Amino acid sequence: MMANTLICTLRRSSFLLYHSLTNNVNNYPVAVCSQIVRSLYSKATLGLDGFVSNKEKTQKQLENISDKFRIKMAEYANEDSKNMIFTEDLKNMIHIADSDDDINLVVKMMKRFNQQNKQLRFGNFIFGTVVMPFFISITNATLLWRARKCFKMPELSGFFDQLMSYQILLDLLFENKKYKEMLEVVNIITNRQIEGSKYPRNIMVLAFAACYKMNTPESLEYALKYWQELKNIGHLPMRRAVTFCAGLALNQEQPSVAMEILTLCKNQNYTTVRNMKVAALTRCGRVEDTIPILKSIISEDIPEDSVKHTFNRDVLEEVKNAITKLDNPEFTLEFNRITEIFQKQGQISETTLDSQLCQEIQKPPVMNSRQQQEYQRPRFNRNKDQRQPNRYNTYHQRPGLEELV
């Protein structure tokens, strides 16, 4: 966890924080996507809110002895010191660090901690996920450069090798529009197969997000290469990874490729998938095939208190322009009828497709024990109207066609 805390400290820093980290990054064209700087994963998803609360708690506990603690840790971190740095020492120092001197001391302690005899270190505490938030939370124009340097230090080999540590780093790079550096980190992860996984699901989401934001022929080639590798091993990417890859293909004027990618989504009726299919078909010159997809959300009997299925206005405008060019009164009339129904039922979203695709990924709600049991309970394919046999009746029913298929 410690490595993750160091990166979390960097998240609050400005865009200049990462300026010194990269070389030649501006050689890449700016992505023709939304230019709002935001993270892809919420703080709760990355565990950053937990770091903040632990930091405040530790600072309060050590309020009166923090200076003495710093002096003591500086002695322990010296190369000639015979004292060990314990897990709690490093955690506490990370939580109270608030200056350049403190940061230097934390790095020295990390090196010594990592080099200590592993036989004497019995704890299973993961420091990567604590160090990353530490880097993100401190505002310093050169701190992100230090974070990158720490990743490359031989003395800290293995210190950051946890998927969550890399996920926090990748999310920080995404927030600061450092997409080239994201792909470099992704290559490191896939080569190392951290935690036994060559293609971690959340890491792949961030990789495709970087390619989508770069929006270049090279980034599409990179994304499709990874896509093919995932297909070859039977790996099913997460929905957001699918939509990022398909969105990149759309932006690179490859709508047929986008359509093929979208077929891998389990839920074809999900809003981003549905909107992208309509956009892809329109750009393939098959706008007439969008009508059944548009009509699919009209016929649904959805309770009033549930979330309405929608289409994005920018997608509908694209369909409208394509139908106008067809000069087909029948299609025009049908499309106008559908959009009027959408308007009346509040099924037109003003959010653009790009903004919807790049929305922050939230942490899923925590289920209570009863909901967990209900979710894990086996479900059988039983007809609701099937009569339950009387417990005194021992005759056997013949299987129906549904059971034989």
Protein backbone atom coordinates (compact mmCIF):
# COMPACT_ATOMS: atom_id res chain seq x y z
CA MET A 1 0.00 0.00 0.00
CA MET A 2 2.89 2.37 0.62
CA ALA A 3 3.66 2.98 -3.03
CA ASN A 4 0.06 3.97 -3.70
CA THR A 5 0.17 6.56 -0.94
CA LEU A 6 3.14 8.33 -2.47
CA ILE A 7 1.29 8.82 -5.75
CA CYS A 8 -1.93 9.97 -4.07
CA THR A 9 -0.07 12.95 -2.68
CA LEU A 10 0.60 14.13 -6.21
CA ARG A 11 -3.02 14.15 -7.35
CA ARG A 12 -3.85 17.52 -5.83
CA SER A 13 -0.96 19.20 -7.58
CA SER A 14 -1.39 21.37 -10.64
CA PHE A 15 -0.64 20.50 -14.22
CA LEU A 16 2.87 21.95 -13.78
CA LEU A 17 3.53 19.21 -11.28
CA TYR A 18 4.00 16.77 -14.10
CA HIS A 19 5.66 19.09 -16.60
CA SER A 20 9.19 18.08 -15.70
CA LEU A 21 8.43 14.36 -15.85
CA THR A 22 8.30 13.90 -19.60
CA ASN A 23 10.30 14.58 -22.72
CA ASN A 24 8.88 15.15 -26.20
CA VAL A 25 5.34 14.49 -24.98
CA ASN A 26 4.08 17.49 -26.91
CA ASN A 27 5.06 15.80 -30.17
CA TYR A 28 1.75 13.96 -30.01
CA PRO A 29 -1.27 15.70 -31.52
CA VAL A 30 -3.91 16.89 -29.10
CA ALA A 31 -6.84 14.49 -28.93
CA VAL A 32 -10.03 15.80 -30.45
CA CYS A 33 -11.94 14.88 -27.34
CA SER A 34 -13.08 16.77 -24.28
CA GLN A 35 -10.29 18.98 -22.92
CA ILE A 36 -11.52 19.03 -19.32
CA VAL A 37 -8.80 17.77 -16.98
CA ARG A 38 -10.27 15.04 -14.83
CA SER A 39 -9.37 11.66 -13.45
CA LEU A 40 -10.92 8.53 -14.87
CA TYR A 41 -11.44 6.73 -11.55
CA SER A 42 -13.04 8.36 -8.53
CA LYS A 43 -11.01 8.90 -5.37
CA ALA A 44 -13.12 6.34 -3.54
CA THR A 45 -12.41 3.74 -6.23
CA LEU A 46 -8.67 4.27 -5.85
CA GLY A 47 -8.81 4.40 -2.05
CA LEU A 48 -7.53 7.98 -1.92
CA ASP A 49 -10.24 9.10 0.50
CA GLY A 50 -9.00 6.47 2.94
CA PHE A 51 -5.47 7.86 2.69
CA VAL A 52 -6.66 11.38 3.52
CA SER A 53 -8.53 10.22 6.62
CA ASN A 54 -5.54 8.17 7.80
CA LYS A 55 -3.22 11.10 7.18
CA GLU A 56 -5.38 13.46 9.27
CA LYS A 57 -5.67 10.89 12.05
CA THR A 58 -1.91 10.30 12.20
CA GLN A 59 -1.11 14.00 12.15
CA LYS A 60 -3.40 14.51 15.11
CA GLN A 61 -1.87 11.61 17.04
CA LEU A 62 1.72 12.78 16.46
CA GLU A 63 0.99 16.48 16.73
CA ASN A 64 3.17 17.05 19.81
CA ILE A 65 6.02 14.70 18.93
CA SER A 66 6.27 15.04 15.14
CA ASP A 67 9.58 16.98 15.22
CA LYS A 68 11.22 14.46 17.52
CA PHE A 69 9.88 11.64 15.33
CA ARG A 70 11.45 13.23 12.24
CA ILE A 71 14.85 13.49 13.94
CA LYS A 72 14.64 9.88 15.06
CA MET A 73 13.71 8.64 11.57
CA ALA A 74 16.52 10.66 10.00
CA GLU A 75 18.97 8.79 12.24
CA TYR A 76 17.41 5.43 11.42
CA ALA A 77 17.52 6.14 7.67
CA ASN A 78 21.30 6.69 7.62
CA GLU A 79 23.27 4.00 5.84
CA ASP A 80 25.47 3.32 8.87
CA SER A 81 22.50 2.97 11.23
CA LYS A 82 21.88 -0.44 12.79
CA ASN A 83 18.28 0.35 13.64
CA MET A 84 15.45 -1.10 11.61
CA ILE A 85 12.70 0.97 10.05
CA PHE A 86 9.38 -0.67 10.83
CA THR A 87 6.18 -0.59 8.80
CA GLU A 88 4.54 1.83 11.23
CA ASP A 89 7.56 4.15 11.08
CA LEU A 90 7.30 4.56 7.33
CA LYS A 91 3.52 4.87 7.40
CA ASN A 92 3.64 7.58 10.06
CA MET A 93 6.38 9.52 8.28
CA ILE A 94 4.41 9.47 5.03
CA HIS A 95 1.32 10.77 6.81
CA ILE A 96 3.07 13.70 8.51
CA ALA A 97 5.32 14.70 5.59
CA ASP A 98 4.65 18.27 4.44
CA SER A 99 7.95 19.70 3.15
CA ASP A 100 10.78 18.95 0.71
CA ASP A 101 12.96 17.77 3.58
CA ASP A 102 10.20 15.39 4.68
CA ILE A 103 9.91 14.03 1.14
CA ASN A 104 13.66 13.40 0.97
CA LEU A 105 13.47 11.62 4.30
CA VAL A 106 10.55 9.47 3.13
CA VAL A 107 12.52 8.39 0.04
CA LYS A 108 15.56 7.51 2.18
CA MET A 109 13.35 5.52 4.53
CA MET A 110 11.75 3.72 1.58
CA LYS A 111 15.16 2.65 0.29
CA ARG A 112 16.32 1.41 3.68
CA PHE A 113 13.01 -0.31 4.35
CA ASN A 114 13.14 -2.10 1.00
CA GLN A 115 16.74 -3.18 1.50
CA GLN A 116 16.30 -4.59 4.99
CA ASN A 117 16.73 -8.29 5.41
CA LYS A 118 13.49 -9.77 4.09
CA GLN A 119 13.69 -12.52 6.68
CA LEU A 120 13.27 -9.89 9.38
CA ARG A 121 10.26 -8.32 7.71
CA PHE A 122 7.25 -10.41 8.61
CA GLY A 123 4.50 -7.94 7.75
CA ASN A 124 2.35 -8.17 4.63
CA PHE A 125 1.61 -4.47 4.45
CA ILE A 126 1.58 -3.22 0.84
CA PHE A 127 3.41 0.09 0.85
CA GLY A 128 2.91 0.91 -2.81
CA THR A 129 -0.71 1.86 -2.22
CA VAL A 130 0.31 4.28 0.53
CA VAL A 131 3.26 5.94 -1.18
CA MET A 132 1.27 6.77 -4.31
CA PRO A 133 -1.39 8.83 -2.50
CA PHE A 134 1.46 10.56 -0.64
CA PHE A 135 2.97 11.80 -3.90
CA ILE A 136 -0.43 12.97 -5.13
CA SER A 137 -1.39 14.91 -2.00
CA ILE A 138 1.66 17.19 -1.82
CA THR A 139 1.77 20.24 -4.10
CA ASN A 140 5.29 20.51 -5.49
CA ALA A 141 6.40 21.36 -9.01
CA THR A 142 9.11 18.67 -9.06
CA LEU A 143 7.46 15.99 -6.93
CA LEU A 144 6.03 14.00 -9.79
CA TRP A 145 9.47 13.89 -11.32
CA ARG A 146 10.65 12.42 -8.03
CA ALA A 147 7.87 9.87 -8.12
CA ARG A 148 8.93 8.76 -11.59
CA LYS A 149 12.54 8.60 -10.41
CA CYS A 150 11.52 6.44 -7.45
CA PHE A 151 9.87 3.98 -9.82
CA LYS A 152 13.17 3.54 -11.64
CA MET A 153 15.44 3.27 -8.59
CA PRO A 154 17.09 -0.17 -8.30
CA GLU A 155 16.96 0.26 -4.51
CA LEU A 156 13.15 0.31 -4.72
CA SER A 157 12.80 -2.67 -7.03
CA GLY A 158 9.48 -4.40 -6.35
CA PHE A 159 8.36 -1.67 -3.96
CA PHE A 160 5.65 -0.38 -6.33
CA ASP A 161 4.73 -3.70 -7.92
CA GLN A 162 1.07 -3.76 -6.97
CA LEU A 163 -1.70 -3.24 -9.52
CA MET A 164 -3.39 -0.56 -7.44
CA SER A 165 -0.12 1.40 -7.29
CA TYR A 166 0.08 1.40 -11.06
CA GLN A 167 -3.61 2.17 -11.42
CA ILE A 168 -3.22 5.28 -9.27
CA LEU A 169 -0.17 6.36 -11.25
CA LEU A 170 -1.94 5.81 -14.58
CA ASP A 171 -4.96 7.74 -13.37
CA LEU A 172 -2.71 10.62 -12.33
CA LEU A 173 -1.09 10.61 -15.77
CA PHE A 174 -4.53 10.56 -17.39
CA GLU A 175 -5.60 13.54 -15.31
CA ASN A 176 -2.55 15.48 -16.48
CA LYS A 177 -2.97 14.41 -20.13
CA LYS A 178 0.29 12.44 -20.20
CA TYR A 179 -1.02 9.70 -22.45
CA LYS A 180 2.31 8.65 -23.95
CA GLU A 181 3.70 8.03 -20.46
CA MET A 182 0.59 6.00 -19.63
CA LEU A 183 1.34 3.59 -22.45
CA GLU A 184 4.95 3.30 -21.30
CA VAL A 185 3.75 2.27 -17.84
CA VAL A 186 1.25 -0.17 -19.38
CA ASN A 187 4.09 -1.82 -21.32
CA ILE A 188 6.02 -2.25 -18.06
CA ILE A 189 3.01 -3.85 -16.39
CA THR A 190 2.33 -6.31 -19.21
CA ASN A 191 6.00 -7.29 -19.39
CA ARG A 192 6.28 -7.85 -15.64
CA GLN A 193 2.92 -9.63 -15.32
CA ILE A 194 2.39 -8.04 -11.91
CA GLU A 195 0.33 -10.16 -9.49
CA GLY A 196 0.30 -12.91 -12.10
CA SER A 197 -1.81 -10.93 -14.57
CA LYS A 198 -0.50 -9.86 -17.98
CA TYR A 199 -3.60 -7.83 -18.88
CA PRO A 200 -5.21 -6.49 -15.67
CA ARG A 201 -8.74 -5.32 -16.40
CA ASN A 202 -8.56 -1.81 -14.90
CA ILE A 203 -5.11 -1.24 -16.38
CA MET A 204 -6.48 -2.10 -19.82
CA VAL A 205 -9.30 0.41 -19.33
CA LEU A 206 -6.71 3.12 -18.67
CA ALA A 207 -4.59 1.97 -21.62
CA PHE A 208 -7.51 2.26 -24.05
CA ALA A 209 -8.49 5.57 -22.45
CA ALA A 210 -5.02 6.92 -23.23
CA CYS A 211 -5.27 5.73 -26.83
CA TYR A 212 -8.72 7.31 -27.14
CA LYS A 213 -7.47 10.66 -25.87
CA MET A 214 -4.41 10.62 -28.13
CA ASN A 215 -6.71 10.00 -31.11
CA THR A 216 -4.01 9.33 -33.69
CA PRO A 217 -3.55 6.59 -36.30
CA GLU A 218 -0.63 5.34 -34.18
CA SER A 219 -2.75 5.13 -31.04
CA LEU A 220 -5.42 3.20 -32.97
CA GLU A 221 -2.78 0.78 -34.21
CA TYR A 222 -1.51 0.35 -30.64
CA ALA A 223 -5.03 -0.21 -29.31
CA LEU A 224 -5.94 -2.76 -31.99
CA LYS A 225 -2.70 -4.64 -31.34
CA TYR A 226 -3.64 -5.03 -27.69
CA TRP A 227 -7.21 -5.81 -28.69
CA GLN A 228 -6.04 -8.70 -30.86
CA GLU A 229 -3.83 -10.03 -28.07
CA LEU A 230 -6.77 -9.97 -25.68
CA LYS A 231 -8.94 -11.83 -28.18
CA ASN A 232 -6.26 -14.47 -28.77
CA ILE A 233 -6.14 -15.40 -25.08
CA GLY A 234 -9.93 -15.28 -24.65
CA HIS A 235 -9.83 -12.24 -22.38
CA LEU A 236 -13.07 -10.24 -22.27
CA PRO A 237 -12.29 -6.57 -21.59
CA MET A 238 -14.45 -4.41 -19.34
CA ARG A 239 -17.20 -2.40 -21.01
CA ARG A 240 -15.35 0.89 -20.62
CA ALA A 241 -12.30 -0.57 -22.37
CA VAL A 242 -14.54 -1.73 -25.22
CA THR A 243 -16.20 1.66 -25.64
CA PHE A 244 -12.90 3.55 -25.50
CA CYS A 245 -11.47 1.33 -28.24
CA ALA A 246 -14.62 1.61 -30.34
CA GLY A 247 -14.73 5.37 -29.79
CA LEU A 248 -11.15 5.69 -31.02
CA ALA A 249 -12.04 3.72 -34.14
CA LEU A 250 -14.99 6.05 -34.74
CA ASN A 251 -12.81 9.14 -34.34
CA GLN A 252 -10.30 7.66 -36.78
CA GLU A 253 -13.03 7.13 -39.38
CA GLN A 254 -13.13 3.36 -38.94
CA PRO A 255 -16.84 2.83 -38.11
CA SER A 256 -16.87 -0.78 -39.32
CA VAL A 257 -14.05 -1.60 -36.88
CA ALA A 258 -16.00 0.13 -34.13
CA MET A 259 -19.08 -2.01 -34.87
CA GLU A 260 -17.09 -5.23 -34.60
CA ILE A 261 -15.51 -4.13 -31.31
CA LEU A 262 -18.89 -3.22 -29.80
CA THR A 263 -20.24 -6.73 -30.41
CA LEU A 264 -18.08 -7.95 -27.50
CA CYS A 265 -20.14 -6.01 -24.96
CA LYS A 266 -22.41 -8.30 -22.97
CA ASN A 267 -25.05 -5.61 -22.49
CA GLN A 268 -25.79 -4.29 -25.97
CA ASN A 269 -28.46 -1.98 -24.59
CA TYR A 270 -26.09 -0.01 -22.40
CA THR A 271 -26.37 3.69 -23.22
CA THR A 272 -22.83 4.27 -24.55
CA VAL A 273 -22.88 1.05 -26.57
CA ARG A 274 -26.29 1.84 -28.03
CA ASN A 275 -25.30 5.39 -28.98
CA MET A 276 -22.01 4.31 -30.50
CA LYS A 277 -23.68 1.62 -32.59
CA VAL A 278 -26.06 4.22 -34.00
CA ALA A 279 -23.16 6.57 -34.76
CA ALA A 280 -21.13 3.76 -36.36
CA LEU A 281 -23.99 2.58 -38.56
CA THR A 282 -24.64 6.16 -39.66
CA ARG A 283 -21.02 6.66 -40.65
CA CYS A 284 -21.01 3.30 -42.46
CA GLY A 285 -23.74 4.67 -44.74
CA ARG A 286 -26.40 2.43 -43.18
CA VAL A 287 -28.48 5.05 -41.42
CA GLU A 288 -31.68 3.12 -42.19
CA ASP A 289 -30.41 0.35 -39.87
CA THR A 290 -30.40 2.78 -36.95
CA ILE A 291 -34.20 3.01 -36.86
CA PRO A 292 -34.76 -0.35 -35.08
CA ILE A 293 -32.14 0.58 -32.46
CA LEU A 294 -33.77 3.96 -31.89
CA LYS A 295 -37.20 2.36 -31.57
CA SER A 296 -35.92 -0.27 -29.13
CA ILE A 297 -36.11 2.07 -26.13
CA ILE A 298 -39.64 3.25 -26.98
CA SER A 299 -41.23 -0.16 -26.67
CA GLU A 300 -39.69 -0.84 -23.28
CA ASP A 301 -42.10 -0.88 -20.33
CA ILE A 302 -39.92 0.87 -17.75
CA PRO A 303 -41.21 1.88 -14.29
CA GLU A 304 -41.35 5.60 -13.65
CA ASP A 305 -38.82 5.48 -10.81
CA SER A 306 -36.16 3.70 -12.91
CA VAL A 307 -33.42 5.31 -14.99
CA LYS A 308 -34.67 6.21 -18.46
CA HIS A 309 -32.88 4.88 -21.51
CA THR A 310 -31.66 7.76 -23.61
CA PHE A 311 -29.90 8.79 -26.79
CA ASN A 312 -27.44 11.64 -26.93
CA ARG A 313 -28.55 14.73 -28.81
CA ASP A 314 -25.29 14.95 -30.78
CA VAL A 315 -25.79 11.37 -32.01
CA LEU A 316 -29.40 12.08 -33.00
CA GLU A 317 -28.26 15.19 -34.88
CA GLU A 318 -25.78 13.07 -36.81
CA VAL A 319 -28.54 10.61 -37.73
CA LYS A 320 -30.84 13.48 -38.72
CA ASN A 321 -28.25 14.96 -41.09
CA ALA A 322 -27.65 11.58 -42.72
CA ILE A 323 -31.38 10.95 -43.20
CA THR A 324 -31.80 14.41 -44.71
CA LYS A 325 -29.17 13.54 -47.31
CA LEU A 326 -31.09 10.36 -48.18
CA ASP A 327 -34.02 12.48 -49.33
CA ASN A 328 -36.39 9.68 -48.30
CA PRO A 329 -39.70 11.08 -46.98
CA GLU A 330 -40.62 7.76 -45.34
CA PHE A 331 -37.44 7.58 -43.25
CA THR A 332 -37.64 11.27 -42.46
CA LEU A 333 -41.20 10.92 -41.19
CA GLU A 334 -40.32 7.87 -39.08
CA PHE A 335 -37.26 9.55 -37.58
CA ASN A 336 -39.22 12.70 -36.71
CA ARG A 337 -41.92 10.59 -35.05
CA ILE A 338 -39.32 8.77 -32.96
CA THR A 339 -37.53 11.94 -31.84
CA GLU A 340 -40.86 13.55 -30.89
CA ILE A 341 -41.56 10.59 -28.59
CA PHE A 342 -38.05 10.88 -27.14
CA GLN A 343 -38.65 14.55 -26.45
CA LYS A 344 -41.97 13.94 -24.71
CA GLN A 345 -40.62 11.08 -22.60
CA GLY A 346 -37.37 12.86 -21.67
CA GLN A 347 -35.20 10.33 -23.48
CA ILE A 348 -32.80 12.79 -25.10
CA SER A 349 -29.59 13.44 -23.18
CA GLU A 350 -27.80 16.77 -23.57
CA THR A 351 -24.52 15.10 -22.56
CA THR A 352 -22.24 14.55 -25.53
CA LEU A 353 -21.16 11.03 -26.40
CA ASP A 354 -17.54 11.92 -25.63
CA SER A 355 -18.39 13.34 -22.19
CA GLN A 356 -20.52 10.30 -21.42
CA LEU A 357 -17.72 7.95 -22.41
CA CYS A 358 -15.18 9.78 -20.22
CA GLN A 359 -17.37 10.01 -17.13
CA GLU A 360 -15.60 9.22 -13.86
CA ILE A 361 -15.76 5.56 -12.88
CA GLN A 362 -17.38 5.31 -9.47
CA LYS A 363 -16.87 2.68 -6.82
CA PRO A 364 -19.71 0.13 -6.93
CA PRO A 365 -22.09 0.26 -3.97
CA VAL A 366 -21.35 -2.07 -1.08
CA MET A 367 -24.01 -4.72 -0.61
CA ASN A 368 -25.13 -5.73 2.85
CA SER A 369 -25.01 -9.38 3.90
CA ARG A 370 -28.61 -10.02 2.87
CA GLN A 371 -28.10 -8.49 -0.58
CA GLN A 372 -24.86 -10.46 -0.95
CA GLN A 373 -26.65 -13.73 -0.19
CA GLU A 374 -29.42 -12.86 -2.63
CA TYR A 375 -26.89 -11.99 -5.32
CA GLN A 376 -24.95 -15.23 -4.84
CA ARG A 377 -28.03 -17.46 -4.56
CA PRO A 378 -28.30 -19.86 -7.51
CA ARG A 379 -31.03 -19.00 -9.98
CA PHE A 380 -32.73 -21.69 -11.94
CA ASN A 381 -34.42 -21.34 -15.29
CA ARG A 382 -37.94 -21.83 -14.04
CA ASN A 383 -41.15 -20.62 -15.60
CA LYS A 384 -42.89 -18.23 -13.20
CA ASP A 385 -46.24 -19.72 -14.06
CA GLN A 386 -45.09 -23.29 -13.50
CA ARG A 387 -47.22 -24.99 -10.90
CA GLN A 388 -45.36 -26.17 -7.82
CA PRO A 389 -45.93 -29.92 -7.27
CA ASN A 390 -47.88 -30.98 -4.22
CA ARG A 391 -45.53 -32.45 -1.62
CA TYR A 392 -47.82 -35.49 -1.38
CA ASN A 393 -47.83 -36.04 -5.11
CA THR A 394 -45.01 -38.27 -6.34
CA TYR A 395 -45.72 -38.32 -10.09
CA HIS A 396 -42.93 -37.23 -12.44
CA GLN A 397 -43.45 -34.40 -14.89
CA ARG A 398 -42.20 -34.73 -18.44
CA PRO A 399 -39.51 -32.17 -19.32
CA GLY A 400 -40.59 -29.37 -21.62
CA LEU A 401 -38.71 -28.11 -24.63
CA GLU A 402 -37.01 -25.39 -22.58
CA GLU A 403 -35.44 -27.99 -20.32
CA LEU A 404 -34.28 -30.13 -23.26
CA VAL A 405 -32.49 -27.32 -25.11
